[in-house]
Amino acid sequence: SGGVILLIRAVARPVRGFADKVMLALAARLAFVFIAVGGSGLIITIVKRIIARGRPRYFEEFGALHFQFPSWQASYASFPSGHSQTAFAIGVAFACLFPRWRKAFIAAAAVVAFSRIAVDAHYFTDIVVGSLWGA
């Protein structure tokens, strides 16, 4: 969406007719999605590196509250869930843009979030915080 915004900005003329207004409306919607997903994703990435919670595969060895402050290793990037954040940021942004499909977008985001527990990549609290932040 960021690339399309830049493309529209590069070819856009001053707003005069209906087609110009449509392009401007499209650019505004793309900017909304870009900021919703990219902005919340950037913050989640920084926070998870600072918190550095161990992933569930380390539960047997260290327990659920194992942290390694700060860490850039993927093994210590469990809290909060970036996939859940991204899924809910996209789901809620699209639900705002396409209200008729909002239940489907939110349901798809929830499936992505809970799949992170199923593949043993996150704890429940990880996906809750990631989902809330994304939303």
C-alpha atoms as a PDB file:
ATOM      1  CA  SER A   1       0.000   0.000   0.000  1.00  0.00           C
ATOM      2  CA  GLY A   2       2.922   2.355   0.658  1.00  0.00           C
ATOM      3  CA  GLY A   3       4.237   1.846  -2.879  1.00  0.00           C
ATOM      4  CA  VAL A   4       0.834   2.497  -4.420  1.00  0.00           C
ATOM      5  CA  ILE A   5       0.509   5.681  -2.355  1.00  0.00           C
ATOM      6  CA  LEU A   6       3.846   6.903  -3.696  1.00  0.00           C
ATOM      7  CA  LEU A   7       2.814   5.996  -7.252  1.00  0.00           C
ATOM      8  CA  ILE A   8      -0.475   7.872  -6.930  1.00  0.00           C
ATOM      9  CA  ARG A   9       1.359  10.857  -5.473  1.00  0.00           C
ATOM     10  CA  ALA A  10       3.853  10.820  -8.357  1.00  0.00           C
ATOM     11  CA  VAL A  11       1.218  10.827 -11.099  1.00  0.00           C
ATOM     12  CA  ALA A  12      -1.501  12.825  -9.372  1.00  0.00           C
ATOM     13  CA  ARG A  13      -2.512  16.195 -10.715  1.00  0.00           C
ATOM     14  CA  PRO A  14      -4.402  18.867  -8.823  1.00  0.00           C
ATOM     15  CA  VAL A  15      -7.878  17.612  -7.909  1.00  0.00           C
ATOM     16  CA  ARG A  16     -10.282  18.775 -10.580  1.00  0.00           C
ATOM     17  CA  GLY A  17     -12.623  16.036 -11.661  1.00  0.00           C
ATOM     18  CA  PHE A  18     -14.326  12.922 -10.402  1.00  0.00           C
ATOM     19  CA  ALA A  19     -11.431  10.642 -11.385  1.00  0.00           C
ATOM     20  CA  ASP A  20      -9.026  12.787  -9.365  1.00  0.00           C
ATOM     21  CA  LYS A  21     -11.304  12.525  -6.339  1.00  0.00           C
ATOM     22  CA  VAL A  22     -11.445   8.739  -6.723  1.00  0.00           C
ATOM     23  CA  MET A  23      -7.633   8.547  -6.837  1.00  0.00           C
ATOM     24  CA  LEU A  24      -7.398  10.778  -3.769  1.00  0.00           C
ATOM     25  CA  ALA A  25      -9.920   8.601  -1.902  1.00  0.00           C
ATOM     26  CA  LEU A  26      -7.988   5.460  -2.859  1.00  0.00           C
ATOM     27  CA  ALA A  27      -4.729   7.009  -1.667  1.00  0.00           C
ATOM     28  CA  ALA A  28      -6.346   7.946   1.654  1.00  0.00           C
ATOM     29  CA  ARG A  29      -7.602   4.401   2.197  1.00  0.00           C
ATOM     30  CA  LEU A  30      -4.224   2.915   1.298  1.00  0.00           C
ATOM     31  CA  ALA A  31      -2.518   5.321   3.692  1.00  0.00           C
ATOM     32  CA  PHE A  32      -4.930   4.243   6.427  1.00  0.00           C
ATOM     33  CA  VAL A  33      -4.054   0.552   5.916  1.00  0.00           C
ATOM     34  CA  PHE A  34      -0.343   1.332   5.663  1.00  0.00           C
ATOM     35  CA  ILE A  35      -0.293   3.306   8.912  1.00  0.00           C
ATOM     36  CA  ALA A  36      -2.531   0.819  10.752  1.00  0.00           C
ATOM     37  CA  VAL A  37      -0.401  -2.188   9.880  1.00  0.00           C
ATOM     38  CA  GLY A  38       3.040  -0.611   9.622  1.00  0.00           C
ATOM     39  CA  GLY A  39       2.772   1.699  12.614  1.00  0.00           C
ATOM     40  CA  SER A  40       1.487  -0.903  15.034  1.00  0.00           C
ATOM     41  CA  GLY A  41       3.921  -3.473  13.619  1.00  0.00           C
ATOM     42  CA  LEU A  42       6.908  -1.228  14.189  1.00  0.00           C
ATOM     43  CA  ILE A  43       5.930  -0.654  17.806  1.00  0.00           C
ATOM     44  CA  ILE A  44       5.309  -4.388  18.428  1.00  0.00           C
ATOM     45  CA  THR A  45       8.706  -5.271  16.948  1.00  0.00           C
ATOM     46  CA  ILE A  46      10.488  -2.832  19.255  1.00  0.00           C
ATOM     47  CA  VAL A  47       8.516  -3.917  22.330  1.00  0.00           C
ATOM     48  CA  LYS A  48       9.055  -7.647  21.748  1.00  0.00           C
ATOM     49  CA  ARG A  49      12.824  -7.098  21.447  1.00  0.00           C
ATOM     50  CA  ILE A  50      12.904  -5.183  24.723  1.00  0.00           C
ATOM     51  CA  ILE A  51      10.707  -7.657  26.647  1.00  0.00           C
ATOM     52  CA  ALA A  52      12.416 -10.729  25.092  1.00  0.00           C
ATOM     53  CA  ARG A  53      10.125 -13.456  26.414  1.00  0.00           C
ATOM     54  CA  GLY A  54      11.163 -17.019  25.601  1.00  0.00           C
ATOM     55  CA  ARG A  55       8.971 -19.024  23.256  1.00  0.00           C
ATOM     56  CA  PRO A  56       6.885 -21.973  24.504  1.00  0.00           C
ATOM     57  CA  ARG A  57       9.492 -24.509  23.403  1.00  0.00           C
ATOM     58  CA  TYR A  58      11.569 -23.313  26.386  1.00  0.00           C
ATOM     59  CA  PHE A  59       8.725 -23.921  28.845  1.00  0.00           C
ATOM     60  CA  GLU A  60      10.009 -27.289  30.088  1.00  0.00           C
ATOM     61  CA  GLU A  61      13.476 -25.904  30.669  1.00  0.00           C
ATOM     62  CA  PHE A  62      12.798 -22.398  32.019  1.00  0.00           C
ATOM     63  CA  GLY A  63       9.040 -22.001  32.582  1.00  0.00           C
ATOM     64  CA  ALA A  64       6.503 -19.590  31.090  1.00  0.00           C
ATOM     65  CA  LEU A  65       8.111 -16.452  32.484  1.00  0.00           C
ATOM     66  CA  HIS A  66      11.589 -16.764  31.014  1.00  0.00           C
ATOM     67  CA  PHE A  67      12.985 -13.440  29.731  1.00  0.00           C
ATOM     68  CA  GLN A  68      16.356 -12.433  28.290  1.00  0.00           C
ATOM     69  CA  PHE A  69      16.537  -8.612  28.324  1.00  0.00           C
ATOM     70  CA  PRO A  70      16.994  -7.324  25.538  1.00  0.00           C
ATOM     71  CA  SER A  71      17.330  -9.868  22.760  1.00  0.00           C
ATOM     72  CA  TRP A  72      17.297  -9.836  18.969  1.00  0.00           C
ATOM     73  CA  GLN A  73      17.011 -13.637  18.781  1.00  0.00           C
ATOM     74  CA  ALA A  74      13.757 -15.020  17.376  1.00  0.00           C
ATOM     75  CA  SER A  75      13.751 -17.548  20.230  1.00  0.00           C
ATOM     76  CA  TYR A  76      13.099 -14.674  22.630  1.00  0.00           C
ATOM     77  CA  ALA A  77      10.497 -12.776  20.621  1.00  0.00           C
ATOM     78  CA  SER A  78       7.356 -14.401  21.966  1.00  0.00           C
ATOM     79  CA  PHE A  79       5.611 -11.485  23.691  1.00  0.00           C
ATOM     80  CA  PRO A  80       3.620  -9.896  22.090  1.00  0.00           C
ATOM     81  CA  SER A  81       2.717 -11.839  18.967  1.00  0.00           C
ATOM     82  CA  GLY A  82       3.586  -9.974  15.782  1.00  0.00           C
ATOM     83  CA  HIS A  83       1.491 -12.288  13.603  1.00  0.00           C
ATOM     84  CA  SER A  84      -1.563 -11.656  15.777  1.00  0.00           C
ATOM     85  CA  GLN A  85      -0.920  -7.916  15.675  1.00  0.00           C
ATOM     86  CA  THR A  86      -0.597  -7.900  11.890  1.00  0.00           C
ATOM     87  CA  ALA A  87      -3.670 -10.089  11.380  1.00  0.00           C
ATOM     88  CA  PHE A  88      -5.843  -7.890  13.598  1.00  0.00           C
ATOM     89  CA  ALA A  89      -4.450  -4.644  12.179  1.00  0.00           C
ATOM     90  CA  ILE A  90      -5.325  -5.820   8.666  1.00  0.00           C
ATOM     91  CA  GLY A  91      -8.642  -7.326   9.791  1.00  0.00           C
ATOM     92  CA  VAL A  92      -9.846  -4.236  11.626  1.00  0.00           C
ATOM     93  CA  ALA A  93      -8.579  -1.853   8.924  1.00  0.00           C
ATOM     94  CA  PHE A  94     -10.382  -3.845   6.219  1.00  0.00           C
ATOM     95  CA  ALA A  95     -13.466  -4.142   8.450  1.00  0.00           C
ATOM     96  CA  CYS A  96     -13.559  -0.343   8.607  1.00  0.00           C
ATOM     97  CA  LEU A  97     -13.180  -0.050   4.836  1.00  0.00           C
ATOM     98  CA  PHE A  98     -15.580  -2.900   3.988  1.00  0.00           C
ATOM     99  CA  PRO A  99     -18.156  -3.048   6.818  1.00  0.00           C
ATOM    100  CA  ARG A 100     -20.256  -5.705   5.094  1.00  0.00           C
ATOM    101  CA  TRP A 101     -17.363  -8.196   5.468  1.00  0.00           C
ATOM    102  CA  ARG A 102     -16.240  -7.180   8.985  1.00  0.00           C
ATOM    103  CA  LYS A 103     -17.204 -10.467  10.649  1.00  0.00           C
ATOM    104  CA  ALA A 104     -15.215 -12.444   8.080  1.00  0.00           C
ATOM    105  CA  PHE A 105     -12.151 -10.206   8.476  1.00  0.00           C
ATOM    106  CA  ILE A 106     -12.224 -10.430  12.278  1.00  0.00           C
ATOM    107  CA  ALA A 107     -12.803 -14.204  12.156  1.00  0.00           C
ATOM    108  CA  ALA A 108      -9.847 -14.644   9.800  1.00  0.00           C
ATOM    109  CA  ALA A 109      -7.664 -12.562  12.118  1.00  0.00           C
ATOM    110  CA  ALA A 110      -8.721 -14.705  15.083  1.00  0.00           C
ATOM    111  CA  VAL A 111      -7.845 -17.887  13.171  1.00  0.00           C
ATOM    112  CA  VAL A 112      -4.368 -16.511  12.464  1.00  0.00           C
ATOM    113  CA  ALA A 113      -3.919 -15.506  16.098  1.00  0.00           C
ATOM    114  CA  PHE A 114      -4.976 -18.865  17.518  1.00  0.00           C
ATOM    115  CA  SER A 115      -2.879 -20.701  14.945  1.00  0.00           C
ATOM    116  CA  ARG A 116       0.181 -19.197  16.652  1.00  0.00           C
ATOM    117  CA  ILE A 117      -0.697 -21.200  19.772  1.00  0.00           C
ATOM    118  CA  ALA A 118      -1.394 -24.324  17.711  1.00  0.00           C
ATOM    119  CA  VAL A 119       2.092 -24.237  16.151  1.00  0.00           C
ATOM    120  CA  ASP A 120       3.614 -23.711  19.623  1.00  0.00           C
ATOM    121  CA  ALA A 121       5.088 -20.315  18.746  1.00  0.00           C
ATOM    122  CA  HIS A 122       3.246 -18.246  21.382  1.00  0.00           C
ATOM    123  CA  TYR A 123       1.468 -18.373  24.703  1.00  0.00           C
ATOM    124  CA  PHE A 124      -2.164 -17.260  24.993  1.00  0.00           C
ATOM    125  CA  THR A 125      -1.143 -13.951  26.602  1.00  0.00           C
ATOM    126  CA  ASP A 126       1.157 -13.254  23.644  1.00  0.00           C
ATOM    127  CA  ILE A 127      -1.656 -13.454  21.128  1.00  0.00           C
ATOM    128  CA  VAL A 128      -4.103 -11.509  23.320  1.00  0.00           C
ATOM    129  CA  VAL A 129      -1.758  -8.530  23.653  1.00  0.00           C
ATOM    130  CA  GLY A 130      -0.697  -8.697  19.988  1.00  0.00           C
ATOM    131  CA  SER A 131      -4.327  -8.886  18.856  1.00  0.00           C
ATOM    132  CA  LEU A 132      -5.444  -6.009  21.052  1.00  0.00           C
ATOM    133  CA  TRP A 133      -2.565  -3.835  19.916  1.00  0.00           C
ATOM    134  CA  GLY A 134      -3.261  -4.617  16.263  1.00  0.00           C
ATOM    135  CA  ALA A 135      -6.956  -3.901  16.683  1.00  0.00           C
END
